[in-house]
Amino acid sequence: MIIITGRMKIPDENREPFFDIAKRQVELSRREAGCLNYWLYEDAFEPRRFFFYEEWKDRDAVDFHFKQSYCLEFVKALRKLTDGEPEMHIRTIVEKSKT
């Protein structure tokens, strides 16, 4: 399984356009066969700080996801809406066998 996390700060004036593109990103990503989970949260203690948490079946699913036109459009738009550079981390989870 692959876990992707992303976080960014969105200025108040960009909140509505951010939610528009974020909602589309979440909805379309969740439809992909390799997407196990895809969530967006706002930090309760630091308003305007948002956090994406994604779980993907495998690396092929992630590669497919990153090639989708809506994903490319999201990244391009996000860079214009954030306060500073968005952060993203990709981690591979290896599950131990039950023996």
Protein backbone atom coordinates (compact mmCIF):
# COMPACT_ATOMS: atom_id res chain seq x y z
CA MET A 1 0.00 0.00 0.00
CA ILE A 2 1.13 3.56 -0.72
CA ILE A 3 0.21 6.45 1.58
CA ILE A 4 0.38 10.01 0.30
CA THR A 5 0.04 12.99 2.60
CA GLY A 6 -0.08 16.61 1.60
CA ARG A 7 -0.48 19.81 3.52
CA MET A 8 -0.84 23.42 2.59
CA LYS A 9 -1.98 26.76 3.92
CA ILE A 10 -4.76 28.56 2.05
CA PRO A 11 -5.29 32.32 2.47
CA ASP A 12 -8.85 33.36 3.34
CA GLU A 13 -9.39 34.97 -0.05
CA ASN A 14 -8.58 31.66 -1.80
CA ARG A 15 -10.72 29.43 0.40
CA GLU A 16 -13.70 29.14 -1.96
CA PRO A 17 -11.69 28.40 -5.13
CA PHE A 18 -9.57 25.94 -3.14
CA PHE A 19 -12.66 24.04 -1.98
CA ASP A 20 -13.96 23.93 -5.55
CA ILE A 21 -10.82 22.25 -6.92
CA ALA A 22 -10.25 20.13 -3.79
CA LYS A 23 -13.78 18.72 -3.90
CA ARG A 24 -13.34 17.77 -7.54
CA GLN A 25 -9.96 16.19 -6.80
CA VAL A 26 -11.31 14.10 -3.92
CA GLU A 27 -14.43 12.96 -5.79
CA LEU A 28 -12.59 11.94 -8.97
CA SER A 29 -9.71 10.31 -7.10
CA ARG A 30 -12.09 8.18 -5.05
CA ARG A 31 -13.50 6.76 -8.29
CA GLU A 32 -10.14 5.34 -9.37
CA ALA A 33 -9.86 1.57 -9.03
CA GLY A 34 -6.55 1.79 -7.12
CA CYS A 35 -7.76 4.37 -4.58
CA LEU A 36 -8.44 2.79 -1.20
CA ASN A 37 -9.14 6.04 0.72
CA TYR A 38 -8.87 9.76 0.01
CA TRP A 39 -9.63 12.44 2.61
CA LEU A 40 -9.26 16.17 3.09
CA TYR A 41 -9.16 17.78 6.54
CA GLU A 42 -8.79 21.27 7.95
CA ASP A 43 -6.66 21.68 11.07
CA ALA A 44 -8.92 22.49 14.03
CA PHE A 45 -6.17 24.46 15.76
CA GLU A 46 -4.68 26.25 12.79
CA PRO A 47 -7.40 27.59 10.47
CA ARG A 48 -6.52 27.67 6.78
CA ARG A 49 -4.11 24.69 7.17
CA PHE A 50 -5.37 21.73 5.14
CA PHE A 51 -4.24 18.12 5.08
CA PHE A 52 -4.77 15.47 2.42
CA TYR A 53 -4.50 11.79 3.35
CA GLU A 54 -4.59 9.17 0.59
CA GLU A 55 -4.22 5.39 0.51
CA TRP A 56 -3.46 3.64 -2.78
CA LYS A 57 -3.35 -0.05 -3.66
CA ASP A 58 0.17 0.04 -5.15
CA ARG A 59 2.68 2.13 -7.09
CA ASP A 60 0.91 1.45 -10.38
CA ALA A 61 -2.25 3.01 -8.95
CA VAL A 62 -0.31 6.10 -7.85
CA ASP A 63 1.40 6.42 -11.23
CA PHE A 64 -1.98 6.17 -12.98
CA HIS A 65 -3.45 8.77 -10.61
CA PHE A 66 -0.67 11.30 -11.20
CA LYS A 67 -1.19 11.05 -14.98
CA GLN A 68 -4.88 11.97 -14.86
CA SER A 69 -5.69 15.36 -16.37
CA TYR A 70 -7.75 16.43 -13.35
CA CYS A 71 -4.81 15.65 -11.06
CA LEU A 72 -2.40 17.70 -13.18
CA GLU A 73 -4.91 20.57 -13.24
CA PHE A 74 -5.31 20.34 -9.46
CA VAL A 75 -1.57 20.62 -8.82
CA LYS A 76 -1.25 23.58 -11.18
CA ALA A 77 -4.19 25.42 -9.58
CA LEU A 78 -3.06 24.58 -6.06
CA ARG A 79 0.29 26.30 -6.54
CA LYS A 80 -1.57 29.53 -7.32
CA LEU A 81 -3.89 29.29 -4.30
CA THR A 82 -1.55 28.33 -1.47
CA ASP A 83 0.40 30.49 0.93
CA GLY A 84 3.84 29.00 0.33
CA GLU A 85 4.76 25.75 -1.37
CA PRO A 86 2.47 22.75 -0.71
CA GLU A 87 4.16 19.75 0.94
CA MET A 88 3.73 16.17 -0.21
CA HIS A 89 5.12 12.90 1.17
CA ILE A 90 4.81 9.44 -0.36
CA ARG A 91 5.39 6.36 1.77
CA THR A 92 5.28 2.67 0.92
CA ILE A 93 3.75 0.49 3.62
CA VAL A 94 4.94 -3.09 3.80
CA GLU A 95 2.60 -5.38 5.66
CA LYS A 96 4.11 -8.23 7.66
CA SER A 97 2.77 -11.69 6.96
CA LYS A 98 0.82 -13.36 9.76
CA THR A 99 2.96 -16.39 10.57
